[in-house]
N, C-alpha and C. Protein backbone atom coordinates (compact mmCIF):
# COMPACT_ATOMS: atom_id res chain seq x y z
N UNK A 1 0.85 -1.18 0.00
CA UNK A 1 0.00 0.00 0.00
C UNK A 1 0.90 1.23 0.00
N UNK A 2 0.57 2.20 -0.84
CA UNK A 2 1.36 3.42 -0.91
C UNK A 2 1.01 4.32 0.27
N UNK A 3 1.94 5.24 0.57
CA UNK A 3 1.72 6.17 1.68
C UNK A 3 0.51 7.06 1.39
N UNK A 4 0.34 7.45 0.12
CA UNK A 4 -0.79 8.32 -0.22
C UNK A 4 -2.13 7.59 0.00
N UNK A 5 -2.21 6.33 -0.40
CA UNK A 5 -3.44 5.57 -0.21
C UNK A 5 -3.71 5.35 1.27
N UNK A 6 -2.66 5.07 2.04
CA UNK A 6 -2.81 4.92 3.49
C UNK A 6 -3.29 6.20 4.13
N UNK A 7 -2.80 7.34 3.65
CA UNK A 7 -3.22 8.65 4.17
C UNK A 7 -4.71 8.88 3.89
N UNK A 8 -5.17 8.51 2.68
CA UNK A 8 -6.58 8.68 2.33
C UNK A 8 -7.48 7.81 3.21
N UNK A 9 -7.05 6.58 3.46
CA UNK A 9 -7.83 5.69 4.32
C UNK A 9 -7.90 6.26 5.72
N UNK A 10 -6.78 6.77 6.22
CA UNK A 10 -6.73 7.38 7.55
C UNK A 10 -7.70 8.55 7.64
N UNK A 11 -7.71 9.43 6.64
CA UNK A 11 -8.62 10.58 6.63
C UNK A 11 -10.08 10.12 6.57
N UNK A 12 -10.35 9.07 5.79
CA UNK A 12 -11.70 8.54 5.72
C UNK A 12 -12.16 8.01 7.08
N UNK A 13 -11.29 7.32 7.79
CA UNK A 13 -11.64 6.80 9.11
C UNK A 13 -11.90 7.93 10.11
N UNK A 14 -11.12 9.00 10.03
CA UNK A 14 -11.34 10.16 10.91
C UNK A 14 -12.70 10.78 10.60
N UNK A 15 -13.03 10.92 9.32
CA UNK A 15 -14.31 11.48 8.92
C UNK A 15 -15.46 10.62 9.45
N UNK A 16 -15.34 9.30 9.33
CA UNK A 16 -16.38 8.40 9.85
C UNK A 16 -16.54 8.58 11.35
N UNK A 17 -15.42 8.73 12.07
CA UNK A 17 -15.47 8.93 13.52
C UNK A 17 -16.20 10.23 13.84
N UNK A 18 -15.86 11.32 13.13
CA UNK A 18 -16.50 12.61 13.39
C UNK A 18 -17.99 12.55 13.12
N UNK A 19 -18.39 11.84 12.09
CA UNK A 19 -19.81 11.72 11.78
C UNK A 19 -20.53 10.91 12.85
N UNK A 20 -19.84 9.94 13.42
CA UNK A 20 -20.44 9.13 14.48
C UNK A 20 -20.60 9.94 15.75
N UNK A 21 -19.59 10.73 16.10
CA UNK A 21 -19.60 11.53 17.32
C UNK A 21 -20.44 12.78 17.13
N UNK A 22 -20.43 13.35 15.94
CA UNK A 22 -21.17 14.59 15.66
C UNK A 22 -20.35 15.45 14.73
N UNK A 23 -21.03 16.21 13.91
CA UNK A 23 -20.33 17.09 12.99
C UNK A 23 -19.69 18.24 13.74
N UNK A 24 -18.48 18.64 13.37
CA UNK A 24 -17.82 19.74 14.06
C UNK A 24 -18.43 21.08 13.69
N UNK A 25 -18.27 22.04 14.56
CA UNK A 25 -18.68 23.43 14.37
C UNK A 25 -20.07 23.58 13.80
N UNK A 26 -20.99 22.81 14.33
CA UNK A 26 -22.38 22.91 13.89
C UNK A 26 -23.29 22.70 15.06
N UNK A 27 -24.55 22.87 14.81
CA UNK A 27 -25.54 22.74 15.87
C UNK A 27 -26.49 21.61 15.53
N UNK A 28 -26.49 20.59 16.37
CA UNK A 28 -27.50 19.55 16.25
C UNK A 28 -28.54 19.88 17.27
N UNK A 29 -29.76 19.82 16.87
CA UNK A 29 -30.84 20.18 17.77
C UNK A 29 -30.90 19.23 18.95
N UNK A 30 -31.28 19.75 20.12
CA UNK A 30 -31.43 18.93 21.31
C UNK A 30 -32.48 17.86 21.13
N UNK A 31 -33.46 18.10 20.29
CA UNK A 31 -34.54 17.13 20.11
C UNK A 31 -34.06 15.85 19.45
N UNK A 32 -32.89 15.86 18.79
CA UNK A 32 -32.40 14.66 18.13
C UNK A 32 -31.67 13.75 19.11
N UNK A 33 -31.26 14.27 20.23
CA UNK A 33 -30.51 13.48 21.20
C UNK A 33 -31.47 12.70 22.07
N UNK A 34 -31.31 11.39 22.09
CA UNK A 34 -32.12 10.51 22.94
C UNK A 34 -33.62 10.75 22.76
N UNK A 35 -34.03 10.98 21.54
CA UNK A 35 -35.45 11.25 21.28
C UNK A 35 -36.25 9.97 21.46
N UNK A 36 -37.23 9.97 22.36
CA UNK A 36 -38.05 8.77 22.51
C UNK A 36 -38.96 8.60 21.30
N UNK A 37 -39.19 7.37 20.91
CA UNK A 37 -40.10 7.10 19.81
C UNK A 37 -41.50 6.99 20.39
N UNK A 38 -42.36 7.92 20.00
CA UNK A 38 -43.73 7.97 20.47
C UNK A 38 -44.61 7.60 19.29
N UNK A 39 -45.56 6.71 19.52
CA UNK A 39 -46.42 6.26 18.44
C UNK A 39 -47.12 7.44 17.79
N UNK A 40 -47.13 7.44 16.46
CA UNK A 40 -47.77 8.47 15.65
C UNK A 40 -47.17 9.86 15.83
N UNK A 41 -45.93 9.96 16.27
CA UNK A 41 -45.21 11.23 16.36
C UNK A 41 -44.10 11.22 15.32
N UNK A 42 -43.80 12.38 14.74
CA UNK A 42 -42.68 12.44 13.80
C UNK A 42 -41.37 12.03 14.48
N UNK A 43 -40.50 11.42 13.70
CA UNK A 43 -39.19 10.99 14.18
C UNK A 43 -38.14 11.78 13.42
N UNK A 44 -37.24 12.42 14.15
CA UNK A 44 -36.14 13.16 13.54
C UNK A 44 -34.98 12.19 13.37
N UNK A 45 -34.61 11.94 12.13
CA UNK A 45 -33.50 11.04 11.85
C UNK A 45 -32.18 11.80 11.85
N UNK A 46 -32.22 13.06 11.44
CA UNK A 46 -31.00 13.87 11.37
C UNK A 46 -31.37 15.33 11.35
N UNK A 47 -30.61 16.14 12.10
CA UNK A 47 -30.76 17.60 12.03
C UNK A 47 -29.40 18.22 12.28
N UNK A 48 -29.07 19.21 11.45
CA UNK A 48 -27.77 19.86 11.57
C UNK A 48 -27.81 21.22 10.87
N UNK A 49 -27.12 22.19 11.46
CA UNK A 49 -26.90 23.50 10.83
C UNK A 49 -25.58 24.04 11.37
N UNK A 50 -24.76 24.64 10.52
CA UNK A 50 -23.52 25.23 11.00
C UNK A 50 -23.81 26.36 12.00
N UNK A 51 -22.94 26.55 12.96
CA UNK A 51 -23.14 27.60 13.95
C UNK A 51 -22.60 28.95 13.47
N UNK A 52 -21.81 28.94 12.41
CA UNK A 52 -21.30 30.19 11.83
C UNK A 52 -21.52 30.15 10.33
N UNK A 53 -21.81 31.32 9.79
CA UNK A 53 -22.00 31.44 8.35
C UNK A 53 -21.44 32.79 7.92
N UNK A 54 -20.73 32.80 6.81
CA UNK A 54 -20.15 34.04 6.29
C UNK A 54 -21.26 34.92 5.73
N UNK A 55 -21.19 36.21 6.03
CA UNK A 55 -22.19 37.16 5.55
C UNK A 55 -22.31 37.04 4.03
N UNK A 56 -23.54 36.95 3.56
CA UNK A 56 -23.81 36.83 2.13
C UNK A 56 -23.96 35.40 1.67
N UNK A 57 -23.48 34.44 2.44
CA UNK A 57 -23.65 33.03 2.08
C UNK A 57 -25.07 32.58 2.42
N UNK A 58 -25.45 31.45 1.88
CA UNK A 58 -26.73 30.85 2.22
C UNK A 58 -26.50 29.88 3.37
N UNK A 59 -27.23 30.09 4.45
CA UNK A 59 -27.14 29.21 5.63
C UNK A 59 -28.10 28.06 5.38
N UNK A 60 -27.62 26.82 5.58
CA UNK A 60 -28.44 25.65 5.31
C UNK A 60 -28.73 24.89 6.61
N UNK A 61 -30.01 24.55 6.78
CA UNK A 61 -30.47 23.76 7.92
C UNK A 61 -30.89 22.40 7.37
N UNK A 62 -30.11 21.37 7.69
CA UNK A 62 -30.35 20.02 7.18
C UNK A 62 -31.30 19.28 8.11
N UNK A 63 -32.23 18.54 7.52
CA UNK A 63 -33.24 17.87 8.32
C UNK A 63 -33.75 16.63 7.59
N UNK A 64 -33.92 15.55 8.34
CA UNK A 64 -34.55 14.35 7.84
C UNK A 64 -35.58 13.91 8.88
N UNK A 65 -36.87 13.92 8.50
CA UNK A 65 -37.97 13.64 9.43
C UNK A 65 -38.95 12.67 8.77
N UNK A 66 -39.49 11.77 9.57
CA UNK A 66 -40.57 10.92 9.06
C UNK A 66 -41.69 10.87 10.09
N UNK A 67 -42.89 10.64 9.59
CA UNK A 67 -44.08 10.56 10.43
C UNK A 67 -44.87 9.33 9.99
N UNK A 68 -44.91 8.28 10.83
CA UNK A 68 -45.62 7.06 10.45
C UNK A 68 -47.09 7.30 10.11
N UNK A 69 -47.70 8.30 10.72
CA UNK A 69 -49.10 8.60 10.44
C UNK A 69 -49.32 9.51 9.25
N UNK A 70 -48.23 9.95 8.60
CA UNK A 70 -48.29 10.84 7.42
C UNK A 70 -49.16 12.07 7.69
N UNK A 71 -48.94 12.71 8.85
CA UNK A 71 -49.74 13.88 9.23
C UNK A 71 -49.00 15.21 9.11
N UNK A 72 -47.76 15.21 8.69
CA UNK A 72 -47.01 16.47 8.60
C UNK A 72 -47.58 17.32 7.46
N UNK A 73 -47.74 18.64 7.72
CA UNK A 73 -48.29 19.50 6.67
C UNK A 73 -47.50 20.78 6.43
N UNK A 74 -46.86 21.33 7.47
CA UNK A 74 -46.14 22.61 7.34
C UNK A 74 -44.87 22.57 8.16
N UNK A 75 -43.96 23.49 7.81
CA UNK A 75 -42.78 23.75 8.63
C UNK A 75 -42.77 25.25 8.89
N UNK A 76 -42.76 25.63 10.18
CA UNK A 76 -42.70 27.03 10.58
C UNK A 76 -41.28 27.40 10.96
N UNK A 77 -40.91 28.65 10.66
CA UNK A 77 -39.58 29.17 10.99
C UNK A 77 -39.76 30.47 11.77
N UNK A 78 -39.11 30.56 12.92
CA UNK A 78 -39.08 31.79 13.71
C UNK A 78 -37.63 32.08 14.04
N UNK A 79 -37.23 33.33 13.90
CA UNK A 79 -35.86 33.72 14.22
C UNK A 79 -35.89 34.82 15.26
N UNK A 80 -35.00 34.67 16.24
CA UNK A 80 -34.82 35.67 17.29
C UNK A 80 -33.34 36.05 17.30
N UNK A 81 -33.09 37.34 17.47
CA UNK A 81 -31.72 37.83 17.55
C UNK A 81 -31.38 38.09 19.01
N UNK A 82 -30.10 37.97 19.35
CA UNK A 82 -29.67 38.27 20.71
C UNK A 82 -30.22 39.62 21.14
N UNK A 83 -30.70 39.74 22.37
CA UNK A 83 -31.32 40.96 22.84
C UNK A 83 -32.83 40.93 22.72
N UNK A 84 -33.38 39.83 22.24
CA UNK A 84 -34.84 39.68 22.20
C UNK A 84 -35.52 40.17 20.94
N UNK A 85 -34.77 40.61 19.93
CA UNK A 85 -35.42 41.04 18.68
C UNK A 85 -35.99 39.81 17.98
N UNK A 86 -37.24 39.93 17.56
CA UNK A 86 -37.89 38.86 16.81
C UNK A 86 -38.15 39.34 15.39
N UNK A 87 -38.22 38.39 14.48
CA UNK A 87 -38.48 38.68 13.08
C UNK A 87 -39.80 38.05 12.68
N UNK A 88 -40.44 38.62 11.65
CA UNK A 88 -41.69 38.04 11.18
C UNK A 88 -41.46 36.58 10.81
N UNK A 89 -42.29 35.68 11.32
CA UNK A 89 -42.09 34.26 11.02
C UNK A 89 -42.42 33.94 9.57
N UNK A 90 -41.99 32.77 9.16
CA UNK A 90 -42.22 32.29 7.81
C UNK A 90 -42.65 30.82 7.92
N UNK A 91 -43.33 30.32 6.91
CA UNK A 91 -43.67 28.90 6.93
C UNK A 91 -43.64 28.36 5.51
N UNK A 92 -43.58 27.05 5.41
CA UNK A 92 -43.60 26.38 4.12
C UNK A 92 -44.57 25.21 4.20
N UNK A 93 -45.49 25.15 3.27
CA UNK A 93 -46.39 24.01 3.16
C UNK A 93 -45.60 22.85 2.56
N UNK A 94 -45.76 21.66 3.13
CA UNK A 94 -45.09 20.50 2.58
C UNK A 94 -45.83 20.04 1.32
N UNK A 95 -45.06 19.67 0.32
CA UNK A 95 -45.64 19.23 -0.95
C UNK A 95 -46.23 17.83 -0.80
N UNK A 96 -47.12 17.51 -1.70
CA UNK A 96 -47.72 16.17 -1.71
C UNK A 96 -46.60 15.13 -1.76
N UNK A 97 -46.71 14.13 -0.92
CA UNK A 97 -45.69 13.10 -0.84
C UNK A 97 -44.70 13.31 0.29
N UNK A 98 -44.71 14.51 0.88
CA UNK A 98 -43.78 14.83 1.97
C UNK A 98 -44.45 14.70 3.34
N UNK A 99 -45.71 14.28 3.36
CA UNK A 99 -46.44 14.18 4.63
C UNK A 99 -45.88 13.09 5.53
N UNK A 100 -45.27 12.07 4.92
CA UNK A 100 -44.74 10.94 5.68
C UNK A 100 -43.24 11.03 5.88
N UNK A 101 -42.51 11.57 4.93
CA UNK A 101 -41.05 11.69 5.07
C UNK A 101 -40.54 12.81 4.18
N UNK A 102 -39.59 13.58 4.73
CA UNK A 102 -38.87 14.52 3.90
C UNK A 102 -37.44 14.62 4.43
N UNK A 103 -36.52 14.91 3.51
CA UNK A 103 -35.11 15.05 3.86
C UNK A 103 -34.48 16.04 2.89
N UNK A 104 -33.62 16.88 3.42
CA UNK A 104 -32.94 17.88 2.61
C UNK A 104 -32.57 19.06 3.48
N UNK A 105 -32.53 20.25 2.87
CA UNK A 105 -32.19 21.44 3.65
C UNK A 105 -33.12 22.60 3.33
N UNK A 106 -33.24 23.48 4.33
CA UNK A 106 -33.92 24.75 4.18
C UNK A 106 -32.84 25.81 4.11
N UNK A 107 -33.01 26.81 3.25
CA UNK A 107 -31.99 27.81 2.99
C UNK A 107 -32.42 29.19 3.46
N UNK A 108 -31.47 29.93 4.05
CA UNK A 108 -31.72 31.30 4.51
C UNK A 108 -30.64 32.20 3.94
N UNK A 109 -31.05 33.28 3.26
CA UNK A 109 -30.09 34.27 2.76
C UNK A 109 -29.60 35.12 3.94
N UNK A 110 -28.30 35.37 3.99
CA UNK A 110 -27.72 36.11 5.12
C UNK A 110 -27.16 37.47 4.72
N UNK A 111 -27.40 37.92 3.50
CA UNK A 111 -26.80 39.17 3.03
C UNK A 111 -27.30 40.40 3.78
N UNK A 112 -28.47 40.34 4.40
CA UNK A 112 -29.00 41.51 5.10
C UNK A 112 -28.55 41.59 6.56
N UNK A 113 -27.81 40.62 7.04
CA UNK A 113 -27.33 40.63 8.42
C UNK A 113 -25.93 41.25 8.47
N UNK A 114 -25.50 41.60 9.67
CA UNK A 114 -24.17 42.17 9.87
C UNK A 114 -23.23 41.17 10.53
N UNK A 115 -21.94 41.29 10.23
CA UNK A 115 -20.95 40.43 10.88
C UNK A 115 -21.07 40.54 12.39
N UNK A 116 -21.02 39.42 13.05
CA UNK A 116 -21.11 39.38 14.50
C UNK A 116 -22.52 39.19 15.04
N UNK A 117 -23.53 39.41 14.22
CA UNK A 117 -24.91 39.22 14.67
C UNK A 117 -25.14 37.75 15.07
N UNK A 118 -25.84 37.56 16.18
CA UNK A 118 -26.17 36.21 16.65
C UNK A 118 -27.68 36.01 16.60
N UNK A 119 -28.07 34.85 16.11
CA UNK A 119 -29.48 34.53 15.93
C UNK A 119 -29.77 33.14 16.46
N UNK A 120 -31.05 32.85 16.61
CA UNK A 120 -31.50 31.50 16.93
C UNK A 120 -32.74 31.22 16.08
N UNK A 121 -32.67 30.13 15.31
CA UNK A 121 -33.80 29.71 14.49
C UNK A 121 -34.58 28.65 15.26
N UNK A 122 -35.89 28.84 15.34
CA UNK A 122 -36.78 27.82 15.88
C UNK A 122 -37.57 27.27 14.71
N UNK A 123 -37.45 25.98 14.50
CA UNK A 123 -38.11 25.30 13.39
C UNK A 123 -39.14 24.35 13.99
N UNK A 124 -40.37 24.40 13.49
CA UNK A 124 -41.44 23.54 13.99
C UNK A 124 -42.10 22.79 12.85
N UNK A 125 -42.32 21.49 13.05
CA UNK A 125 -43.08 20.69 12.10
C UNK A 125 -44.51 20.63 12.65
N UNK A 126 -45.48 20.98 11.80
CA UNK A 126 -46.87 21.11 12.22
C UNK A 126 -47.72 20.08 11.48
N UNK A 127 -48.72 19.53 12.18
CA UNK A 127 -49.60 18.53 11.56
C UNK A 127 -50.78 19.20 10.86
N UNK A 128 -51.64 18.40 10.27
CA UNK A 128 -52.80 18.92 9.51
C UNK A 128 -53.77 19.71 10.37
N UNK A 129 -53.83 19.41 11.66
CA UNK A 129 -54.73 20.13 12.57
C UNK A 129 -54.13 21.43 13.08
N UNK A 130 -52.87 21.71 12.73
CA UNK A 130 -52.21 22.93 13.18
C UNK A 130 -51.43 22.78 14.47
N UNK A 131 -51.32 21.56 14.97
CA UNK A 131 -50.58 21.32 16.22
C UNK A 131 -49.09 21.15 15.92
N UNK A 132 -48.28 21.80 16.74
CA UNK A 132 -46.83 21.66 16.60
C UNK A 132 -46.44 20.27 17.06
N UNK A 133 -45.79 19.53 16.20
CA UNK A 133 -45.41 18.15 16.51
C UNK A 133 -43.95 18.02 16.90
N UNK A 134 -43.09 18.82 16.31
CA UNK A 134 -41.66 18.77 16.59
C UNK A 134 -41.15 20.20 16.63
N UNK A 135 -40.34 20.52 17.62
CA UNK A 135 -39.72 21.83 17.70
C UNK A 135 -38.22 21.69 17.86
N UNK A 136 -37.47 22.41 17.03
CA UNK A 136 -36.00 22.36 17.06
C UNK A 136 -35.44 23.77 17.12
N UNK A 137 -34.28 23.94 17.77
CA UNK A 137 -33.61 25.25 17.81
C UNK A 137 -32.19 25.11 17.28
N UNK A 138 -31.80 26.10 16.46
CA UNK A 138 -30.47 26.14 15.88
C UNK A 138 -29.87 27.53 16.06
N UNK A 139 -28.89 27.71 16.94
CA UNK A 139 -28.22 29.00 17.06
C UNK A 139 -27.20 29.17 15.92
N UNK A 140 -27.02 30.42 15.47
CA UNK A 140 -25.99 30.68 14.47
C UNK A 140 -25.53 32.13 14.56
N UNK A 141 -24.32 32.36 14.04
CA UNK A 141 -23.71 33.68 14.07
C UNK A 141 -23.21 34.03 12.68
N UNK A 142 -23.36 35.31 12.32
CA UNK A 142 -22.86 35.80 11.04
C UNK A 142 -21.38 36.14 11.22
N UNK A 143 -20.56 35.63 10.35
CA UNK A 143 -19.12 35.86 10.41
C UNK A 143 -18.39 34.54 10.54
N UNK A 144 -17.20 34.50 10.03
CA UNK A 144 -16.43 33.27 10.09
C UNK A 144 -16.34 32.63 8.72
N UNK A 145 -15.75 31.46 8.69
CA UNK A 145 -15.54 30.79 7.39
C UNK A 145 -16.85 30.26 6.80
N UNK A 146 -16.81 29.99 5.51
CA UNK A 146 -17.96 29.37 4.85
C UNK A 146 -18.14 27.97 5.42
N UNK A 147 -19.37 27.52 5.41
CA UNK A 147 -19.68 26.19 5.93
C UNK A 147 -19.06 25.13 5.02
N UNK A 148 -18.58 24.08 5.64
CA UNK A 148 -18.04 22.97 4.87
C UNK A 148 -19.20 22.12 4.38
N UNK A 149 -19.07 21.55 3.18
CA UNK A 149 -20.16 20.73 2.66
C UNK A 149 -20.30 19.43 3.45
N UNK A 150 -21.44 18.82 3.33
CA UNK A 150 -21.67 17.52 3.97
C UNK A 150 -20.80 16.47 3.29
N UNK A 151 -20.44 15.43 4.02
CA UNK A 151 -19.71 14.32 3.41
C UNK A 151 -20.55 13.68 2.30
N UNK A 152 -19.90 13.15 1.27
CA UNK A 152 -20.63 12.60 0.11
C UNK A 152 -21.70 11.58 0.47
N UNK A 153 -21.44 10.71 1.44
CA UNK A 153 -22.43 9.69 1.77
C UNK A 153 -23.70 10.27 2.39
N UNK A 154 -23.61 11.47 2.97
CA UNK A 154 -24.80 12.12 3.54
C UNK A 154 -25.49 13.01 2.51
N UNK A 155 -24.73 13.47 1.53
CA UNK A 155 -25.29 14.38 0.53
C UNK A 155 -26.36 13.73 -0.33
N UNK A 156 -26.30 12.41 -0.51
CA UNK A 156 -27.27 11.73 -1.37
C UNK A 156 -28.69 12.05 -0.95
N UNK A 157 -28.97 11.98 0.34
CA UNK A 157 -30.33 12.22 0.82
C UNK A 157 -30.57 13.69 1.16
N UNK A 158 -29.55 14.37 1.66
CA UNK A 158 -29.77 15.70 2.22
C UNK A 158 -29.41 16.86 1.30
N UNK A 159 -28.82 16.61 0.15
CA UNK A 159 -28.38 17.70 -0.72
C UNK A 159 -29.47 18.10 -1.72
N UNK A 160 -30.65 18.30 -1.22
CA UNK A 160 -31.73 18.85 -2.04
C UNK A 160 -32.43 19.94 -1.24
N UNK A 161 -32.66 21.06 -1.87
CA UNK A 161 -33.33 22.16 -1.18
C UNK A 161 -34.81 21.86 -1.06
N UNK A 162 -35.28 21.91 0.17
CA UNK A 162 -36.71 21.71 0.45
C UNK A 162 -37.49 23.01 0.31
N UNK A 163 -36.84 24.12 0.63
CA UNK A 163 -37.51 25.41 0.56
C UNK A 163 -36.65 26.51 1.14
N UNK A 164 -37.15 27.72 1.03
CA UNK A 164 -36.46 28.90 1.55
C UNK A 164 -37.07 29.32 2.89
N UNK A 165 -36.22 29.83 3.75
CA UNK A 165 -36.69 30.46 4.98
C UNK A 165 -36.81 31.94 4.64
N UNK A 166 -38.02 32.40 4.43
CA UNK A 166 -38.26 33.76 3.95
C UNK A 166 -38.35 34.75 5.11
N UNK A 167 -37.20 35.00 5.73
CA UNK A 167 -37.12 35.96 6.81
C UNK A 167 -35.97 36.91 6.50
N UNK A 168 -36.26 38.21 6.55
CA UNK A 168 -35.25 39.25 6.29
C UNK A 168 -34.56 39.56 7.62
N UNK A 169 -33.27 39.26 7.72
CA UNK A 169 -32.52 39.44 8.96
C UNK A 169 -32.22 40.91 9.27
N UNK A 170 -32.71 41.81 8.45
CA UNK A 170 -32.51 43.24 8.67
C UNK A 170 -33.83 43.92 9.03
N UNK A 171 -34.90 43.15 9.21
CA UNK A 171 -36.21 43.75 9.44
C UNK A 171 -36.92 43.06 10.62
N UNK A 172 -36.52 43.39 11.86
CA UNK A 172 -37.24 42.80 13.00
C UNK A 172 -38.68 43.30 13.05
N UNK A 173 -39.52 42.54 13.78
CA UNK A 173 -40.94 42.90 13.91
C UNK A 173 -41.11 44.29 14.47
């Protein structure tokens, strides 16, 4: 085995370890940790968002959710800035076929925010009756390096845009 091939295998093993332990410099929602499986409740298979994003880049919130009862209908987005500033919420209706499972990312434009600004996104999956079924929080800050892409084996399912988070980070309520 050549030294270069051995080096690639070593890097691959480190990447697998990091994915098992958790992605670096990102925010996994607390709801994904030790989530009990409740009958007819949505199950979060994966959630991740970088904690820093360069101004002007698109911030991506990765999510994989399934609902055995196929009752999911909307995803709500609320953003709060440090100091208690709130922004007008946004929501996205799930397309036909996404009521039971969806996976991919939601995108937020960051060009209207300033370097150093800190925010927290609250994402909620809502059922047909309007009841919030899953709530997740993702803190993030404007400034820093661009987010690293997902590893190739995760991109197959998650590298599709589900929708936009239509919130202007320069226009609090």
